[in-house]
């Protein structure tokens, strides 16, 4: 998905430079559809097949239970990764590197704030 977005940056950047907004809109719609669809399908597959996937790596029942629930919880919101990838690629294509950096780090920073006790973050 990340590779797809990086490849789409050339099309978006060329459209931006040429001020061809119809091309940008068409490419952006397609890009958003592909990234969100792929991330949702991928996360649904992991949620549905979490137990068989985890059992490939461990045959300990306690480890399997923890890993299955972890996979399911993580992948429930993985569809948002498609939107984040799309927004990051769009911002980079339009020359907004600092803002794209903030968007790409937002998920990791938020995770750190919620995982660390007391919400102190990093």
N, C-alpha and C. Protein backbone atom coordinates (compact mmCIF):
# COMPACT_ATOMS: atom_id res chain seq x y z
N UNK A 1 0.83 -1.19 0.00
CA UNK A 1 0.00 0.00 0.00
C UNK A 1 0.87 1.25 0.00
N UNK A 2 1.93 1.21 0.80
CA UNK A 2 2.84 2.35 0.83
C UNK A 2 3.52 2.53 -0.52
N UNK A 3 3.94 1.43 -1.14
CA UNK A 3 4.55 1.50 -2.46
C UNK A 3 3.60 2.06 -3.50
N UNK A 4 2.33 1.68 -3.42
CA UNK A 4 1.33 2.21 -4.33
C UNK A 4 1.21 3.72 -4.18
N UNK A 5 1.19 4.19 -2.95
CA UNK A 5 1.07 5.63 -2.70
C UNK A 5 2.32 6.39 -3.18
N UNK A 6 3.47 5.80 -2.97
CA UNK A 6 4.70 6.44 -3.44
C UNK A 6 4.69 6.52 -4.97
N UNK A 7 4.24 5.46 -5.63
CA UNK A 7 4.14 5.49 -7.08
C UNK A 7 3.14 6.51 -7.58
N UNK A 8 2.06 6.68 -6.85
CA UNK A 8 1.03 7.64 -7.26
C UNK A 8 1.49 9.08 -7.08
N UNK A 9 2.51 9.30 -6.28
CA UNK A 9 3.01 10.66 -6.08
C UNK A 9 3.49 11.29 -7.38
N UNK A 10 4.05 10.49 -8.27
CA UNK A 10 4.51 11.03 -9.56
C UNK A 10 3.34 11.58 -10.36
N UNK A 11 2.24 10.86 -10.37
CA UNK A 11 1.06 11.31 -11.10
C UNK A 11 0.47 12.56 -10.45
N UNK A 12 0.38 12.53 -9.13
CA UNK A 12 -0.18 13.69 -8.42
C UNK A 12 0.73 14.91 -8.57
N UNK A 13 2.04 14.71 -8.42
CA UNK A 13 2.97 15.83 -8.55
C UNK A 13 2.97 16.43 -9.94
N UNK A 14 2.90 15.58 -10.97
CA UNK A 14 2.85 16.08 -12.35
C UNK A 14 1.56 16.86 -12.59
N UNK A 15 0.47 16.34 -12.07
CA UNK A 15 -0.81 17.06 -12.20
C UNK A 15 -0.81 18.38 -11.47
N UNK A 16 -0.16 18.40 -10.30
CA UNK A 16 -0.07 19.63 -9.52
C UNK A 16 0.78 20.67 -10.25
N UNK A 17 1.90 20.22 -10.81
CA UNK A 17 2.78 21.13 -11.55
C UNK A 17 2.13 21.68 -12.80
N UNK A 18 1.32 20.87 -13.45
CA UNK A 18 0.63 21.29 -14.67
C UNK A 18 -0.69 22.01 -14.37
N UNK A 19 -1.05 22.08 -13.10
CA UNK A 19 -2.33 22.68 -12.67
C UNK A 19 -3.52 21.98 -13.32
N UNK A 20 -3.36 20.67 -13.53
CA UNK A 20 -4.42 19.84 -14.11
C UNK A 20 -5.23 19.24 -12.96
N UNK A 21 -6.13 20.03 -12.43
CA UNK A 21 -6.86 19.62 -11.23
C UNK A 21 -7.81 18.46 -11.48
N UNK A 22 -8.31 18.32 -12.70
CA UNK A 22 -9.18 17.18 -13.02
C UNK A 22 -8.38 15.88 -12.93
N UNK A 23 -7.14 15.90 -13.40
CA UNK A 23 -6.28 14.71 -13.31
C UNK A 23 -5.94 14.39 -11.86
N UNK A 24 -5.68 15.42 -11.08
CA UNK A 24 -5.38 15.22 -9.66
C UNK A 24 -6.57 14.60 -8.96
N UNK A 25 -7.75 15.11 -9.21
CA UNK A 25 -8.97 14.61 -8.57
C UNK A 25 -9.23 13.15 -8.97
N UNK A 26 -9.08 12.85 -10.24
CA UNK A 26 -9.29 11.48 -10.71
C UNK A 26 -8.29 10.52 -10.07
N UNK A 27 -7.02 10.91 -10.05
CA UNK A 27 -5.98 10.06 -9.44
C UNK A 27 -6.20 9.93 -7.94
N UNK A 28 -6.58 11.02 -7.29
CA UNK A 28 -6.79 10.98 -5.83
C UNK A 28 -7.96 10.07 -5.46
N UNK A 29 -9.04 10.13 -6.22
CA UNK A 29 -10.19 9.25 -5.94
C UNK A 29 -9.79 7.79 -6.08
N UNK A 30 -9.07 7.48 -7.17
CA UNK A 30 -8.63 6.10 -7.38
C UNK A 30 -7.68 5.66 -6.28
N UNK A 31 -6.76 6.52 -5.93
CA UNK A 31 -5.78 6.21 -4.90
C UNK A 31 -6.46 5.98 -3.54
N UNK A 32 -7.39 6.82 -3.19
CA UNK A 32 -8.12 6.66 -1.93
C UNK A 32 -8.91 5.36 -1.92
N UNK A 33 -9.57 5.06 -3.03
CA UNK A 33 -10.34 3.81 -3.12
C UNK A 33 -9.43 2.60 -2.93
N UNK A 34 -8.32 2.56 -3.64
CA UNK A 34 -7.42 1.40 -3.58
C UNK A 34 -6.83 1.24 -2.19
N UNK A 35 -6.34 2.31 -1.59
CA UNK A 35 -5.68 2.19 -0.29
C UNK A 35 -6.66 1.78 0.80
N UNK A 36 -7.83 2.39 0.82
CA UNK A 36 -8.81 2.05 1.85
C UNK A 36 -9.36 0.64 1.62
N UNK A 37 -9.66 0.30 0.37
CA UNK A 37 -10.19 -1.04 0.08
C UNK A 37 -9.17 -2.11 0.46
N UNK A 38 -7.91 -1.91 0.10
CA UNK A 38 -6.89 -2.90 0.42
C UNK A 38 -6.72 -3.05 1.93
N UNK A 39 -6.65 -1.93 2.63
CA UNK A 39 -6.43 -2.01 4.08
C UNK A 39 -7.62 -2.63 4.80
N UNK A 40 -8.83 -2.37 4.33
CA UNK A 40 -10.02 -2.96 4.95
C UNK A 40 -10.09 -4.46 4.66
N UNK A 41 -9.83 -4.85 3.42
CA UNK A 41 -9.85 -6.28 3.07
C UNK A 41 -8.75 -7.03 3.83
N UNK A 42 -7.56 -6.44 3.88
CA UNK A 42 -6.45 -7.07 4.60
C UNK A 42 -6.79 -7.23 6.09
N UNK A 43 -7.31 -6.18 6.71
CA UNK A 43 -7.62 -6.27 8.13
C UNK A 43 -8.76 -7.26 8.39
N UNK A 44 -9.74 -7.32 7.50
CA UNK A 44 -10.82 -8.29 7.66
C UNK A 44 -10.28 -9.72 7.56
N UNK A 45 -9.36 -9.95 6.64
CA UNK A 45 -8.78 -11.28 6.50
C UNK A 45 -8.00 -11.68 7.76
N UNK A 46 -7.25 -10.74 8.31
CA UNK A 46 -6.49 -11.05 9.53
C UNK A 46 -7.43 -11.30 10.71
N UNK A 47 -8.49 -10.51 10.83
CA UNK A 47 -9.45 -10.71 11.92
C UNK A 47 -10.14 -12.08 11.78
N UNK A 48 -10.54 -12.42 10.56
CA UNK A 48 -11.24 -13.69 10.35
C UNK A 48 -10.32 -14.88 10.57
N UNK A 49 -9.10 -14.78 10.08
CA UNK A 49 -8.16 -15.91 10.15
C UNK A 49 -7.08 -15.71 11.21
N UNK A 50 -7.38 -14.98 12.27
CA UNK A 50 -6.37 -14.70 13.30
C UNK A 50 -5.85 -15.97 13.95
N UNK A 51 -6.73 -16.85 14.34
CA UNK A 51 -6.30 -18.08 15.04
C UNK A 51 -5.41 -18.95 14.16
N UNK A 52 -5.80 -19.27 12.91
CA UNK A 52 -4.89 -20.08 12.09
C UNK A 52 -3.55 -19.40 11.82
N UNK A 53 -3.57 -18.07 11.66
CA UNK A 53 -2.32 -17.36 11.43
C UNK A 53 -1.40 -17.43 12.65
N UNK A 54 -1.96 -17.19 13.81
CA UNK A 54 -1.17 -17.21 15.04
C UNK A 54 -0.67 -18.62 15.33
N UNK A 55 -1.49 -19.63 15.05
CA UNK A 55 -1.09 -21.00 15.34
C UNK A 55 0.10 -21.45 14.48
N UNK A 56 0.39 -20.74 13.41
CA UNK A 56 1.58 -21.04 12.62
C UNK A 56 2.87 -20.73 13.38
N UNK A 57 2.79 -19.80 14.34
CA UNK A 57 3.97 -19.33 15.04
C UNK A 57 4.10 -19.85 16.47
N UNK A 58 3.02 -20.36 17.04
CA UNK A 58 3.08 -20.86 18.41
C UNK A 58 2.03 -21.94 18.62
N UNK A 59 2.41 -22.96 19.39
CA UNK A 59 1.43 -23.98 19.73
C UNK A 59 1.07 -23.93 21.22
N UNK A 60 1.56 -22.92 21.92
CA UNK A 60 1.22 -22.69 23.31
C UNK A 60 -0.15 -22.01 23.36
N UNK A 61 -1.10 -22.59 24.08
CA UNK A 61 -2.47 -22.07 24.09
C UNK A 61 -2.58 -20.67 24.69
N UNK A 62 -1.84 -20.41 25.77
CA UNK A 62 -1.90 -19.07 26.39
C UNK A 62 -1.35 -18.00 25.45
N UNK A 63 -0.23 -18.30 24.81
CA UNK A 63 0.36 -17.36 23.85
C UNK A 63 -0.59 -17.15 22.67
N UNK A 64 -1.21 -18.20 22.22
CA UNK A 64 -2.14 -18.10 21.09
C UNK A 64 -3.33 -17.21 21.45
N UNK A 65 -3.88 -17.38 22.63
CA UNK A 65 -5.02 -16.54 23.05
C UNK A 65 -4.65 -15.06 23.09
N UNK A 66 -3.51 -14.76 23.66
CA UNK A 66 -3.06 -13.36 23.73
C UNK A 66 -2.81 -12.80 22.34
N UNK A 67 -2.13 -13.58 21.51
CA UNK A 67 -1.80 -13.13 20.15
C UNK A 67 -3.04 -12.95 19.29
N UNK A 68 -4.01 -13.83 19.42
CA UNK A 68 -5.24 -13.71 18.62
C UNK A 68 -5.98 -12.43 18.99
N UNK A 69 -6.15 -12.19 20.27
CA UNK A 69 -6.87 -10.97 20.67
C UNK A 69 -6.09 -9.72 20.27
N UNK A 70 -4.77 -9.77 20.34
CA UNK A 70 -3.94 -8.63 19.93
C UNK A 70 -4.08 -8.37 18.44
N UNK A 71 -4.04 -9.42 17.64
CA UNK A 71 -4.21 -9.27 16.19
C UNK A 71 -5.56 -8.65 15.85
N UNK A 72 -6.58 -9.14 16.51
CA UNK A 72 -7.93 -8.64 16.23
C UNK A 72 -8.06 -7.17 16.61
N UNK A 73 -7.60 -6.80 17.78
CA UNK A 73 -7.72 -5.41 18.22
C UNK A 73 -6.91 -4.48 17.32
N UNK A 74 -5.70 -4.87 16.98
CA UNK A 74 -4.86 -4.03 16.12
C UNK A 74 -5.48 -3.84 14.75
N UNK A 75 -6.02 -4.91 14.18
CA UNK A 75 -6.52 -4.83 12.82
C UNK A 75 -7.94 -4.29 12.70
N UNK A 76 -8.63 -4.07 13.80
CA UNK A 76 -9.94 -3.44 13.72
C UNK A 76 -9.85 -2.03 13.17
N UNK A 77 -8.75 -1.35 13.44
CA UNK A 77 -8.59 0.03 12.99
C UNK A 77 -7.53 0.18 11.91
N UNK A 78 -7.09 -0.93 11.33
CA UNK A 78 -6.05 -0.88 10.31
C UNK A 78 -6.54 -0.19 9.05
N UNK A 79 -7.84 -0.15 8.82
CA UNK A 79 -8.39 0.55 7.66
C UNK A 79 -8.02 2.02 7.65
N UNK A 80 -7.79 2.58 8.81
CA UNK A 80 -7.38 3.98 8.89
C UNK A 80 -5.98 4.19 8.32
N UNK A 81 -5.18 3.13 8.26
CA UNK A 81 -3.84 3.22 7.69
C UNK A 81 -3.91 3.59 6.21
N UNK A 82 -4.94 3.10 5.52
CA UNK A 82 -5.13 3.46 4.12
C UNK A 82 -5.36 4.95 3.95
N UNK A 83 -6.16 5.52 4.81
CA UNK A 83 -6.42 6.96 4.75
C UNK A 83 -5.16 7.74 5.09
N UNK A 84 -4.43 7.29 6.09
CA UNK A 84 -3.19 7.97 6.47
C UNK A 84 -2.17 7.92 5.32
N UNK A 85 -2.05 6.79 4.66
CA UNK A 85 -1.13 6.65 3.52
C UNK A 85 -1.53 7.59 2.39
N UNK A 86 -2.82 7.66 2.15
CA UNK A 86 -3.34 8.55 1.10
C UNK A 86 -3.03 10.01 1.41
N UNK A 87 -3.34 10.44 2.61
CA UNK A 87 -3.11 11.84 2.99
C UNK A 87 -1.63 12.18 2.96
N UNK A 88 -0.79 11.29 3.45
CA UNK A 88 0.66 11.53 3.44
C UNK A 88 1.18 11.69 2.02
N UNK A 89 0.75 10.82 1.12
CA UNK A 89 1.20 10.90 -0.28
C UNK A 89 0.70 12.18 -0.95
N UNK A 90 -0.53 12.55 -0.67
CA UNK A 90 -1.07 13.79 -1.25
C UNK A 90 -0.27 15.00 -0.79
N UNK A 91 0.00 15.08 0.50
CA UNK A 91 0.74 16.22 1.03
C UNK A 91 2.16 16.28 0.47
N UNK A 92 2.81 15.13 0.36
CA UNK A 92 4.16 15.11 -0.21
C UNK A 92 4.14 15.53 -1.66
N UNK A 93 3.13 15.13 -2.40
CA UNK A 93 3.03 15.50 -3.82
C UNK A 93 2.84 17.00 -4.00
N UNK A 94 2.22 17.62 -3.04
CA UNK A 94 1.94 19.05 -3.14
C UNK A 94 3.00 19.90 -2.46
N UNK A 95 4.12 19.28 -2.09
CA UNK A 95 5.23 20.03 -1.52
C UNK A 95 5.05 20.40 -0.05
N UNK A 96 4.21 19.70 0.66
CA UNK A 96 3.96 19.97 2.08
C UNK A 96 4.61 18.89 2.93
N UNK A 97 5.94 18.81 2.86
CA UNK A 97 6.69 17.73 3.50
C UNK A 97 6.54 17.72 5.03
N UNK A 98 6.61 18.89 5.64
CA UNK A 98 6.49 18.93 7.11
C UNK A 98 5.12 18.47 7.59
N UNK A 99 4.10 18.91 6.91
CA UNK A 99 2.75 18.50 7.30
C UNK A 99 2.55 17.00 7.06
N UNK A 100 3.13 16.47 5.98
CA UNK A 100 3.02 15.03 5.73
C UNK A 100 3.76 14.24 6.80
N UNK A 101 4.85 14.79 7.31
CA UNK A 101 5.59 14.13 8.38
C UNK A 101 4.75 14.05 9.65
N UNK A 102 4.04 15.12 9.95
CA UNK A 102 3.17 15.13 11.13
C UNK A 102 2.06 14.11 10.98
N UNK A 103 1.46 14.05 9.78
CA UNK A 103 0.39 13.08 9.53
C UNK A 103 0.92 11.65 9.64
N UNK A 104 2.10 11.40 9.10
CA UNK A 104 2.64 10.04 9.14
C UNK A 104 3.04 9.62 10.55
N UNK A 105 3.39 10.56 11.40
CA UNK A 105 3.77 10.23 12.77
C UNK A 105 2.60 10.26 13.75
N UNK A 106 1.47 10.78 13.33
CA UNK A 106 0.33 10.96 14.24
C UNK A 106 -0.11 9.66 14.89
N UNK A 107 -0.19 8.60 14.10
CA UNK A 107 -0.65 7.32 14.63
C UNK A 107 0.32 6.78 15.68
N UNK A 108 1.62 6.89 15.40
CA UNK A 108 2.60 6.39 16.34
C UNK A 108 2.62 7.21 17.63
N UNK A 109 2.50 8.51 17.52
CA UNK A 109 2.50 9.37 18.71
C UNK A 109 1.26 9.13 19.55
N UNK A 110 0.11 8.97 18.89
CA UNK A 110 -1.12 8.72 19.63
C UNK A 110 -1.05 7.37 20.34
N UNK A 111 -0.49 6.37 19.66
CA UNK A 111 -0.35 5.05 20.28
C UNK A 111 0.53 5.14 21.52
N UNK A 112 1.61 5.89 21.44
CA UNK A 112 2.49 6.05 22.59
C UNK A 112 1.79 6.72 23.76
N UNK A 113 0.94 7.68 23.49
CA UNK A 113 0.22 8.35 24.56
C UNK A 113 -0.79 7.44 25.22
N UNK A 114 -1.41 6.55 24.44
CA UNK A 114 -2.45 5.71 25.02
C UNK A 114 -1.88 4.45 25.68
N UNK A 115 -0.73 3.99 25.23
CA UNK A 115 -0.17 2.75 25.76
C UNK A 115 0.58 3.00 27.08
N UNK A 116 1.28 4.11 27.16
CA UNK A 116 2.07 4.39 28.35
C UNK A 116 1.14 4.83 29.48
N UNK A 117 1.30 4.25 30.67
CA UNK A 117 0.40 4.57 31.78
C UNK A 117 0.36 6.07 32.10
N UNK A 118 -0.80 6.54 32.38
CA UNK A 118 -0.98 7.95 32.73
C UNK A 118 -1.08 8.86 31.52
N UNK A 119 -0.97 8.33 30.33
CA UNK A 119 -1.07 9.14 29.12
C UNK A 119 0.06 10.13 28.97
N UNK A 120 1.21 9.83 29.55
CA UNK A 120 2.35 10.77 29.48
C UNK A 120 3.02 10.78 28.13
N UNK A 121 2.83 9.73 27.34
CA UNK A 121 3.44 9.67 26.01
C UNK A 121 4.94 9.51 26.09
N UNK A 122 5.62 9.93 25.05
CA UNK A 122 7.06 9.76 24.98
C UNK A 122 7.76 10.85 25.78
